[in-house]
Amino acid sequence: MIKFTSVEDAFKWWIDNIYKALPADQKKGKYTTAWRDYTHKLGISEKRMRDILSEFGSIDVKVEVSFTPDQK
């Protein structure tokens, strides 16, 4: 298991380690579009990144928010 601080970090790892190793016939369609959108900063949603990551493995995203109100 590899841990990341964000979905974007996990997606960047996917691009560098999985996408680049895909055979040419798989580097078509949504994977290439997602790579282009991310690499050229054209905009890619977190949902789209999660969907692609889930096709290549298990993904579990947890958000933790802490709030401490001011004492009055």
PDB file of N, CA and C in Angstrom:
ATOM      1  N   MET A   1       0.843  -1.173   0.000  1.00  0.00           N
ATOM      2  CA  MET A   1       0.000   0.000   0.000  1.00  0.00           C
ATOM      3  C   MET A   1       0.895   1.245   0.000  1.00  0.00           C
ATOM      4  N   ILE A   2       0.534   2.175  -0.848  1.00  0.00           N
ATOM      5  CA  ILE A   2       1.236   3.451  -0.913  1.00  0.00           C
ATOM      6  C   ILE A   2       0.271   4.509  -0.400  1.00  0.00           C
ATOM      7  N   LYS A   3       0.747   5.384   0.474  1.00  0.00           N
ATOM      8  CA  LYS A   3      -0.110   6.446   1.021  1.00  0.00           C
ATOM      9  C   LYS A   3       0.290   7.784   0.410  1.00  0.00           C
ATOM     10  N   PHE A   4      -0.722   8.585   0.136  1.00  0.00           N
ATOM     11  CA  PHE A   4      -0.530   9.905  -0.451  1.00  0.00           C
ATOM     12  C   PHE A   4      -1.284  10.926   0.387  1.00  0.00           C
ATOM     13  N   THR A   5      -0.914  12.179   0.249  1.00  0.00           N
ATOM     14  CA  THR A   5      -1.593  13.226   1.008  1.00  0.00           C
ATOM     15  C   THR A   5      -2.799  13.784   0.275  1.00  0.00           C
ATOM     16  N   SER A   6      -2.934  13.423  -1.013  1.00  0.00           N
ATOM     17  CA  SER A   6      -4.084  13.900  -1.786  1.00  0.00           C
ATOM     18  C   SER A   6      -4.344  12.964  -2.961  1.00  0.00           C
ATOM     19  N   VAL A   7      -5.530  13.069  -3.514  1.00  0.00           N
ATOM     20  CA  VAL A   7      -5.870  12.287  -4.709  1.00  0.00           C
ATOM     21  C   VAL A   7      -4.974  12.736  -5.856  1.00  0.00           C
ATOM     22  N   GLU A   8      -4.685  14.013  -5.916  1.00  0.00           N
ATOM     23  CA  GLU A   8      -3.823  14.531  -6.982  1.00  0.00           C
ATOM     24  C   GLU A   8      -2.417  13.916  -6.910  1.00  0.00           C
ATOM     25  N   ASP A   9      -1.875  13.771  -5.706  1.00  0.00           N
ATOM     26  CA  ASP A   9      -0.562  13.133  -5.558  1.00  0.00           C
ATOM     27  C   ASP A   9      -0.606  11.683  -6.030  1.00  0.00           C
ATOM     28  N   ALA A  10      -1.675  10.981  -5.697  1.00  0.00           N
ATOM     29  CA  ALA A  10      -1.832   9.585  -6.125  1.00  0.00           C
ATOM     30  C   ALA A  10      -1.942   9.517  -7.646  1.00  0.00           C
ATOM     31  N   PHE A  11      -2.656  10.458  -8.242  1.00  0.00           N
ATOM     32  CA  PHE A  11      -2.816  10.463  -9.686  1.00  0.00           C
ATOM     33  C   PHE A  11      -1.501  10.769 -10.383  1.00  0.00           C
ATOM     34  N   LYS A  12      -0.730  11.690  -9.819  1.00  0.00           N
ATOM     35  CA  LYS A  12       0.591  11.978 -10.394  1.00  0.00           C
ATOM     36  C   LYS A  12       1.451  10.724 -10.346  1.00  0.00           C
ATOM     37  N   TRP A  13       1.408   9.978  -9.240  1.00  0.00           N
ATOM     38  CA  TRP A  13       2.158   8.728  -9.139  1.00  0.00           C
ATOM     39  C   TRP A  13       1.675   7.755 -10.209  1.00  0.00           C
ATOM     40  N   TRP A  14       0.364   7.665 -10.414  1.00  0.00           N
ATOM     41  CA  TRP A  14      -0.208   6.781 -11.436  1.00  0.00           C
ATOM     42  C   TRP A  14       0.342   7.143 -12.818  1.00  0.00           C
ATOM     43  N   ILE A  15       0.382   8.431 -13.115  1.00  0.00           N
ATOM     44  CA  ILE A  15       0.909   8.872 -14.414  1.00  0.00           C
ATOM     45  C   ILE A  15       2.371   8.458 -14.577  1.00  0.00           C
ATOM     46  N   ASP A  16       3.174   8.705 -13.543  1.00  0.00           N
ATOM     47  CA  ASP A  16       4.611   8.425 -13.620  1.00  0.00           C
ATOM     48  C   ASP A  16       4.935   6.934 -13.613  1.00  0.00           C
ATOM     49  N   ASN A  17       4.118   6.124 -12.969  1.00  0.00           N
ATOM     50  CA  ASN A  17       4.470   4.720 -12.773  1.00  0.00           C
ATOM     51  C   ASN A  17       3.596   3.716 -13.510  1.00  0.00           C
ATOM     52  N   ILE A  18       2.360   4.021 -13.731  1.00  0.00           N
ATOM     53  CA  ILE A  18       1.466   3.065 -14.389  1.00  0.00           C
ATOM     54  C   ILE A  18       1.157   3.489 -15.820  1.00  0.00           C
ATOM     55  N   TYR A  19       0.718   4.735 -15.992  1.00  0.00           N
ATOM     56  CA  TYR A  19       0.348   5.202 -17.335  1.00  0.00           C
ATOM     57  C   TYR A  19       1.515   5.052 -18.308  1.00  0.00           C
ATOM     58  N   LYS A  20       2.705   5.463 -17.888  1.00  0.00           N
ATOM     59  CA  LYS A  20       3.871   5.397 -18.777  1.00  0.00           C
ATOM     60  C   LYS A  20       4.213   3.962 -19.169  1.00  0.00           C
ATOM     61  N   ALA A  21       3.846   2.994 -18.329  1.00  0.00           N
ATOM     62  CA  ALA A  21       4.163   1.591 -18.604  1.00  0.00           C
ATOM     63  C   ALA A  21       3.063   0.874 -19.385  1.00  0.00           C
ATOM     64  N   LEU A  22       1.940   1.543 -19.628  1.00  0.00           N
ATOM     65  CA  LEU A  22       0.851   0.907 -20.371  1.00  0.00           C
ATOM     66  C   LEU A  22       1.258   0.653 -21.816  1.00  0.00           C
ATOM     67  N   PRO A  23       0.789  -0.451 -22.385  1.00  0.00           N
ATOM     68  CA  PRO A  23       1.049  -0.686 -23.811  1.00  0.00           C
ATOM     69  C   PRO A  23       0.348   0.387 -24.655  1.00  0.00           C
ATOM     70  N   ALA A  24       0.873   0.620 -25.824  1.00  0.00           N
ATOM     71  CA  ALA A  24       0.354   1.683 -26.700  1.00  0.00           C
ATOM     72  C   ALA A  24      -1.140   1.545 -26.974  1.00  0.00           C
ATOM     73  N   ASP A  25      -1.637   0.321 -27.099  1.00  0.00           N
ATOM     74  CA  ASP A  25      -3.062   0.155 -27.400  1.00  0.00           C
ATOM     75  C   ASP A  25      -3.962   0.547 -26.225  1.00  0.00           C
ATOM     76  N   GLN A  26      -3.405   0.635 -25.005  1.00  0.00           N
ATOM     77  CA  GLN A  26      -4.203   1.081 -23.854  1.00  0.00           C
ATOM     78  C   GLN A  26      -4.076   2.588 -23.630  1.00  0.00           C
ATOM     79  N   LYS A  27      -3.065   3.191 -24.206  1.00  0.00           N
ATOM     80  CA  LYS A  27      -2.862   4.629 -24.045  1.00  0.00           C
ATOM     81  C   LYS A  27      -3.729   5.386 -25.037  1.00  0.00           C
ATOM     82  N   LYS A  28      -5.000   5.113 -24.987  1.00  0.00           N
ATOM     83  CA  LYS A  28      -5.959   5.771 -25.873  1.00  0.00           C
ATOM     84  C   LYS A  28      -7.166   6.184 -25.055  1.00  0.00           C
ATOM     85  N   GLY A  29      -7.945   7.053 -25.616  1.00  0.00           N
ATOM     86  CA  GLY A  29      -9.208   7.415 -24.989  1.00  0.00           C
ATOM     87  C   GLY A  29      -9.054   8.130 -23.671  1.00  0.00           C
ATOM     88  N   LYS A  30      -9.792   7.667 -22.670  1.00  0.00           N
ATOM     89  CA  LYS A  30      -9.892   8.399 -21.414  1.00  0.00           C
ATOM     90  C   LYS A  30      -8.571   8.500 -20.657  1.00  0.00           C
ATOM     91  N   TYR A  31      -7.692   7.506 -20.779  1.00  0.00           N
ATOM     92  CA  TYR A  31      -6.418   7.581 -20.077  1.00  0.00           C
ATOM     93  C   TYR A  31      -5.525   8.667 -20.661  1.00  0.00           C
ATOM     94  N   THR A  32      -5.456   8.740 -21.974  1.00  0.00           N
ATOM     95  CA  THR A  32      -4.651   9.776 -22.624  1.00  0.00           C
ATOM     96  C   THR A  32      -5.259  11.156 -22.393  1.00  0.00           C
ATOM     97  N   THR A  33      -6.568  11.237 -22.451  1.00  0.00           N
ATOM     98  CA  THR A  33      -7.239  12.514 -22.200  1.00  0.00           C
ATOM     99  C   THR A  33      -6.965  12.984 -20.775  1.00  0.00           C
ATOM    100  N   ALA A  34      -7.058  12.070 -19.817  1.00  0.00           N
ATOM    101  CA  ALA A  34      -6.792  12.418 -18.420  1.00  0.00           C
ATOM    102  C   ALA A  34      -5.337  12.834 -18.235  1.00  0.00           C
ATOM    103  N   TRP A  35      -4.414  12.085 -18.846  1.00  0.00           N
ATOM    104  CA  TRP A  35      -2.991  12.437 -18.772  1.00  0.00           C
ATOM    105  C   TRP A  35      -2.771  13.844 -19.316  1.00  0.00           C
ATOM    106  N   ARG A  36      -3.338  14.125 -20.485  1.00  0.00           N
ATOM    107  CA  ARG A  36      -3.170  15.443 -21.120  1.00  0.00           C
ATOM    108  C   ARG A  36      -3.772  16.541 -20.256  1.00  0.00           C
ATOM    109  N   ASP A  37      -4.991  16.312 -19.771  1.00  0.00           N
ATOM    110  CA  ASP A  37      -5.662  17.331 -18.958  1.00  0.00           C
ATOM    111  C   ASP A  37      -4.872  17.642 -17.691  1.00  0.00           C
ATOM    112  N   TYR A  38      -4.305  16.608 -17.063  1.00  0.00           N
ATOM    113  CA  TYR A  38      -3.520  16.817 -15.841  1.00  0.00           C
ATOM    114  C   TYR A  38      -2.173  17.461 -16.165  1.00  0.00           C
ATOM    115  N   THR A  39      -1.462  16.904 -17.115  1.00  0.00           N
ATOM    116  CA  THR A  39      -0.113  17.363 -17.443  1.00  0.00           C
ATOM    117  C   THR A  39      -0.092  18.795 -17.959  1.00  0.00           C
ATOM    118  N   HIS A  40      -1.068  19.136 -18.771  1.00  0.00           N
ATOM    119  CA  HIS A  40      -1.107  20.481 -19.359  1.00  0.00           C
ATOM    120  C   HIS A  40      -1.998  21.439 -18.577  1.00  0.00           C
ATOM    121  N   LYS A  41      -2.391  21.014 -17.364  1.00  0.00           N
ATOM    122  CA  LYS A  41      -3.191  21.849 -16.453  1.00  0.00           C
ATOM    123  C   LYS A  41      -4.466  22.387 -17.113  1.00  0.00           C
ATOM    124  N   LEU A  42      -5.132  21.501 -17.850  1.00  0.00           N
ATOM    125  CA  LEU A  42      -6.379  21.868 -18.511  1.00  0.00           C
ATOM    126  C   LEU A  42      -7.581  21.633 -17.609  1.00  0.00           C
ATOM    127  N   GLY A  43      -7.356  20.973 -16.500  1.00  0.00           N
ATOM    128  CA  GLY A  43      -8.420  20.733 -15.531  1.00  0.00           C
ATOM    129  C   GLY A  43      -8.895  19.291 -15.559  1.00  0.00           C
ATOM    130  N   ILE A  44      -8.819  18.648 -14.414  1.00  0.00           N
ATOM    131  CA  ILE A  44      -9.324  17.293 -14.256  1.00  0.00           C
ATOM    132  C   ILE A  44      -9.906  17.208 -12.844  1.00  0.00           C
ATOM    133  N   SER A  45     -11.097  16.688 -12.754  1.00  0.00           N
ATOM    134  CA  SER A  45     -11.757  16.633 -11.453  1.00  0.00           C
ATOM    135  C   SER A  45     -11.184  15.524 -10.588  1.00  0.00           C
ATOM    136  N   GLU A  46     -11.338  15.692  -9.290  1.00  0.00           N
ATOM    137  CA  GLU A  46     -10.900  14.665  -8.355  1.00  0.00           C
ATOM    138  C   GLU A  46     -11.680  13.374  -8.581  1.00  0.00           C
ATOM    139  N   LYS A  47     -12.949  13.485  -8.923  1.00  0.00           N
ATOM    140  CA  LYS A  47     -13.770  12.299  -9.186  1.00  0.00           C
ATOM    141  C   LYS A  47     -13.207  11.510 -10.375  1.00  0.00           C
ATOM    142  N   ARG A  48     -12.843  12.213 -11.417  1.00  0.00           N
ATOM    143  CA  ARG A  48     -12.275  11.547 -12.599  1.00  0.00           C
ATOM    144  C   ARG A  48     -10.947  10.864 -12.265  1.00  0.00           C
ATOM    145  N   MET A  49     -10.115  11.523 -11.453  1.00  0.00           N
ATOM    146  CA  MET A  49      -8.861  10.910 -11.026  1.00  0.00           C
ATOM    147  C   MET A  49      -9.143   9.652 -10.207  1.00  0.00           C
ATOM    148  N   ARG A  50     -10.085   9.738  -9.265  1.00  0.00           N
ATOM    149  CA  ARG A  50     -10.437   8.571  -8.440  1.00  0.00           C
ATOM    150  C   ARG A  50     -10.966   7.436  -9.295  1.00  0.00           C
ATOM    151  N   ASP A  51     -11.811   7.750 -10.269  1.00  0.00           N
ATOM    152  CA  ASP A  51     -12.375   6.713 -11.146  1.00  0.00           C
ATOM    153  C   ASP A  51     -11.277   5.968 -11.899  1.00  0.00           C
ATOM    154  N   ILE A  52     -10.311   6.700 -12.426  1.00  0.00           N
ATOM    155  CA  ILE A  52      -9.213   6.060 -13.158  1.00  0.00           C
ATOM    156  C   ILE A  52      -8.344   5.245 -12.207  1.00  0.00           C
ATOM    157  N   LEU A  53      -8.010   5.796 -11.060  1.00  0.00           N
ATOM    158  CA  LEU A  53      -7.203   5.058 -10.089  1.00  0.00           C
ATOM    159  C   LEU A  53      -7.886   3.756  -9.684  1.00  0.00           C
ATOM    160  N   SER A  54      -9.197   3.781  -9.527  1.00  0.00           N
ATOM    161  CA  SER A  54      -9.927   2.591  -9.083  1.00  0.00           C
ATOM    162  C   SER A  54      -9.926   1.480 -10.139  1.00  0.00           C
ATOM    163  N   GLU A  55      -9.649   1.822 -11.386  1.00  0.00           N
ATOM    164  CA  GLU A  55      -9.556   0.810 -12.440  1.00  0.00           C
ATOM    165  C   GLU A  55      -8.240   0.028 -12.361  1.00  0.00           C
ATOM    166  N   PHE A  56      -7.276   0.556 -11.617  1.00  0.00           N
ATOM    167  CA  PHE A  56      -5.962  -0.064 -11.526  1.00  0.00           C
ATOM    168  C   PHE A  56      -5.639  -0.567 -10.127  1.00  0.00           C
ATOM    169  N   GLY A  57      -6.539  -0.377  -9.202  1.00  0.00           N
ATOM    170  CA  GLY A  57      -6.313  -0.838  -7.833  1.00  0.00           C
ATOM    171  C   GLY A  57      -7.396  -0.317  -6.915  1.00  0.00           C
ATOM    172  N   SER A  58      -7.203  -0.576  -5.656  1.00  0.00           N
ATOM    173  CA  SER A  58      -8.169  -0.150  -4.644  1.00  0.00           C
ATOM    174  C   SER A  58      -7.775   1.228  -4.131  1.00  0.00           C
ATOM    175  N   ILE A  59      -8.742   2.095  -3.997  1.00  0.00           N
ATOM    176  CA  ILE A  59      -8.478   3.447  -3.515  1.00  0.00           C
ATOM    177  C   ILE A  59      -9.426   3.745  -2.358  1.00  0.00           C
ATOM    178  N   ASP A  60      -8.879   4.307  -1.306  1.00  0.00           N
ATOM    179  CA  ASP A  60      -9.652   4.658  -0.130  1.00  0.00           C
ATOM    180  C   ASP A  60      -9.266   6.086   0.245  1.00  0.00           C
ATOM    181  N   VAL A  61     -10.220   7.008   0.132  1.00  0.00           N
ATOM    182  CA  VAL A  61      -9.951   8.416   0.405  1.00  0.00           C
ATOM    183  C   VAL A  61     -10.637   8.785   1.710  1.00  0.00           C
ATOM    184  N   LYS A  62      -9.867   9.347   2.622  1.00  0.00           N
ATOM    185  CA  LYS A  62     -10.404   9.791   3.914  1.00  0.00           C
ATOM    186  C   LYS A  62     -10.056  11.262   4.086  1.00  0.00           C
ATOM    187  N   VAL A  63     -11.016  12.017   4.563  1.00  0.00           N
ATOM    188  CA  VAL A  63     -10.805  13.437   4.815  1.00  0.00           C
ATOM    189  C   VAL A  63     -10.959  13.665   6.311  1.00  0.00           C
ATOM    190  N   GLU A  64     -10.009  14.362   6.877  1.00  0.00           N
ATOM    191  CA  GLU A  64     -10.093  14.675   8.298  1.00  0.00           C
ATOM    192  C   GLU A  64     -10.089  16.181   8.455  1.00  0.00           C
ATOM    193  N   VAL A  65     -11.086  16.688   9.158  1.00  0.00           N
ATOM    194  CA  VAL A  65     -11.193  18.120   9.404  1.00  0.00           C
ATOM    195  C   VAL A  65     -11.227  18.328  10.908  1.00  0.00           C
ATOM    196  N   SER A  66     -10.367  19.172  11.397  1.00  0.00           N
ATOM    197  CA  SER A  66     -10.355  19.507  12.819  1.00  0.00           C
ATOM    198  C   SER A  66     -10.676  20.987  12.966  1.00  0.00           C
ATOM    199  N   PHE A  67     -11.531  21.279  13.916  1.00  0.00           N
ATOM    200  CA  PHE A  67     -11.886  22.677  14.169  1.00  0.00           C
ATOM    201  C   PHE A  67     -11.951  22.885  15.671  1.00  0.00           C
ATOM    202  N   THR A  68     -11.242  23.880  16.138  1.00  0.00           N
ATOM    203  CA  THR A  68     -11.289  24.243  17.533  1.00  0.00           C
ATOM    204  C   THR A  68     -11.772  25.678  17.611  1.00  0.00           C
ATOM    205  N   PRO A  69     -12.980  25.876  18.136  1.00  0.00           N
ATOM    206  CA  PRO A  69     -13.492  27.247  18.207  1.00  0.00           C
ATOM    207  C   PRO A  69     -12.703  28.085  19.219  1.00  0.00           C
ATOM    208  N   ASP A  70     -12.658  29.375  18.943  1.00  0.00           N
ATOM    209  CA  ASP A  70     -12.014  30.309  19.868  1.00  0.00           C
ATOM    210  C   ASP A  70     -12.767  30.315  21.191  1.00  0.00           C
ATOM    211  N   GLN A  71     -12.038  30.447  22.271  1.00  0.00           N
ATOM    212  CA  GLN A  71     -12.657  30.546  23.595  1.00  0.00           C
ATOM    213  C   GLN A  71     -13.075  31.995  23.822  1.00  0.00           C
ATOM    214  N   LYS A  72     -14.314  32.177  24.242  1.00  0.00           N
ATOM    215  CA  LYS A  72     -14.808  33.550  24.493  1.00  0.00           C
ATOM    216  C   LYS A  72     -15.206  33.709  25.922  1.00  0.00           C
TER     217      LYS A  72
END
